[in-house]
Amino acid sequence: MKVIKRRGRDKIVIELISLFPEDERFCEITLSKKNLSVHHIVPKRKGGNEDLDNLMVLTKKIHKIVEKKSNPLVMEIYNELIKKRKLQRQIRTFDFNIEKMNENISELREEYKKTKTKHL
């Protein structure tokens, strides 16, 4: 992850947006590709970082709404997106654990094959 130094708000937003793959550079709430901003899910002042898991692309207007929590429907969409992200993270962890278990099973099978031939 590249470290972003504060050099003016617009330059930072451009740099943060550039961290996202091309096909993910749109507002996650409105799906617009214009007037984009980057929202820190966990604010930097509360220990948030600039990992993609903590960043969300929003339009500038939606970003202000989310920061002020001023529109219930936008906040409902936002909260559902946050729940979805958490679930996706859990699935990635679960998939990783299954992959590790499969590796362990394969290793144990190989070990069993070796011991089985020794005992015959």
Protein backbone atom coordinates (compact mmCIF):
# COMPACT_ATOMS: atom_id res chain seq x y z
CA MET A 1 0.00 0.00 0.00
CA LYS A 2 1.49 3.32 -0.95
CA VAL A 3 1.67 5.97 1.75
CA ILE A 4 -0.28 9.11 0.98
CA LYS A 5 1.13 12.34 2.33
CA ARG A 6 -1.15 15.37 2.76
CA ARG A 7 -0.51 17.73 -0.17
CA GLY A 8 -3.84 19.40 -0.74
CA ARG A 9 -7.29 17.84 -0.65
CA ASP A 10 -7.85 17.36 -4.43
CA LYS A 11 -4.46 15.71 -5.00
CA ILE A 12 -5.10 13.28 -2.13
CA VAL A 13 -8.54 12.36 -3.46
CA ILE A 14 -7.08 11.67 -6.92
CA GLU A 15 -4.31 9.54 -5.40
CA LEU A 16 -6.75 7.60 -3.23
CA ILE A 17 -9.16 7.00 -6.10
CA SER A 18 -6.23 5.75 -8.20
CA LEU A 19 -5.77 2.94 -5.63
CA PHE A 20 -9.05 1.43 -6.83
CA PRO A 21 -9.18 -0.74 -9.96
CA GLU A 22 -10.62 1.11 -12.99
CA ASP A 23 -13.89 -0.82 -12.85
CA GLU A 24 -14.45 0.17 -9.19
CA ARG A 25 -14.12 3.95 -9.65
CA PHE A 26 -17.73 4.94 -9.12
CA CYS A 27 -19.92 6.02 -6.24
CA GLU A 28 -20.94 2.91 -4.35
CA ILE A 29 -24.30 4.48 -3.50
CA THR A 30 -25.38 6.25 -6.71
CA LEU A 31 -23.11 4.39 -9.19
CA SER A 32 -22.12 7.78 -10.67
CA LYS A 33 -18.61 8.21 -12.06
CA LYS A 34 -18.62 12.03 -11.74
CA ASN A 35 -17.44 14.32 -8.92
CA LEU A 36 -15.93 11.48 -6.91
CA SER A 37 -14.52 11.62 -3.42
CA VAL A 38 -13.07 9.00 -1.08
CA HIS A 39 -14.68 8.24 2.27
CA HIS A 40 -12.79 6.67 5.15
CA ILE A 41 -15.17 4.17 6.78
CA VAL A 42 -13.18 4.35 10.00
CA PRO A 43 -12.02 7.98 10.13
CA LYS A 44 -8.29 8.64 10.30
CA ARG A 45 -8.82 10.52 13.58
CA LYS A 46 -10.22 7.27 15.02
CA GLY A 47 -7.34 5.13 13.78
CA GLY A 48 -8.59 4.48 10.26
CA ASN A 49 -6.07 3.83 7.50
CA GLU A 50 -5.91 4.07 3.73
CA ASP A 51 -6.30 0.37 2.99
CA LEU A 52 -8.92 -0.32 0.36
CA ASP A 53 -11.02 -2.14 2.96
CA ASN A 54 -11.38 1.18 4.80
CA LEU A 55 -12.05 3.35 1.75
CA MET A 56 -15.27 3.86 -0.14
CA VAL A 57 -15.70 5.86 -3.35
CA LEU A 58 -18.65 8.26 -3.13
CA THR A 59 -19.70 11.36 -4.99
CA LYS A 60 -18.81 14.57 -3.15
CA LYS A 61 -22.50 15.22 -2.47
CA ILE A 62 -23.12 11.72 -1.07
CA HIS A 63 -19.90 11.96 0.95
CA LYS A 64 -21.25 15.06 2.71
CA ILE A 65 -24.58 13.33 3.34
CA VAL A 66 -22.84 10.30 4.83
CA GLU A 67 -20.58 12.45 7.01
CA LYS A 68 -23.59 14.41 8.35
CA LYS A 69 -25.93 11.38 8.38
CA SER A 70 -28.51 13.73 6.92
CA ASN A 71 -30.49 11.40 4.63
CA PRO A 72 -32.04 8.23 6.10
CA LEU A 73 -32.26 6.40 2.76
CA VAL A 74 -28.64 7.13 1.87
CA MET A 75 -27.61 6.00 5.34
CA GLU A 76 -29.60 2.78 4.95
CA ILE A 77 -27.81 2.04 1.67
CA TYR A 78 -24.47 2.95 3.25
CA ASN A 79 -25.07 0.67 6.24
CA GLU A 80 -26.06 -2.22 3.96
CA LEU A 81 -22.85 -1.69 1.95
CA ILE A 82 -20.82 -1.81 5.18
CA LYS A 83 -22.57 -5.06 6.20
CA LYS A 84 -21.85 -6.49 2.74
CA ARG A 85 -18.14 -5.59 3.06
CA LYS A 86 -17.91 -7.28 6.46
CA LEU A 87 -19.56 -10.39 5.08
CA GLN A 88 -17.21 -10.42 2.07
CA ARG A 89 -14.23 -10.15 4.43
CA GLN A 90 -15.56 -13.08 6.48
CA ILE A 91 -16.04 -15.12 3.29
CA ARG A 92 -12.46 -14.39 2.19
CA THR A 93 -11.22 -15.52 5.60
CA PHE A 94 -13.44 -18.61 5.47
CA ASP A 95 -12.21 -19.48 1.95
CA PHE A 96 -8.61 -19.06 3.11
CA ASN A 97 -9.24 -21.37 6.08
CA ILE A 98 -10.84 -24.00 3.82
CA GLU A 99 -7.84 -23.82 1.49
CA LYS A 100 -5.47 -24.34 4.44
CA MET A 101 -7.57 -27.26 5.68
CA ASN A 102 -7.44 -28.86 2.21
CA GLU A 103 -3.65 -28.49 2.21
CA ASN A 104 -3.47 -30.12 5.65
CA ILE A 105 -5.73 -32.97 4.51
CA SER A 106 -3.53 -33.55 1.45
CA GLU A 107 -0.41 -33.61 3.61
CA LEU A 108 -2.01 -36.04 6.05
CA ARG A 109 -3.10 -38.32 3.20
CA GLU A 110 0.45 -38.36 1.87
CA GLU A 111 1.75 -39.16 5.33
CA TYR A 112 -0.83 -41.94 5.65
CA LYS A 113 0.22 -43.43 2.31
CA LYS A 114 3.84 -43.52 3.48
CA THR A 115 3.01 -45.17 6.80
CA LYS A 116 0.64 -47.62 5.14
CA THR A 117 3.39 -48.94 2.84
CA LYS A 118 5.79 -49.25 5.80
CA HIS A 119 3.35 -51.43 7.72
CA LEU A 120 2.60 -53.83 4.85
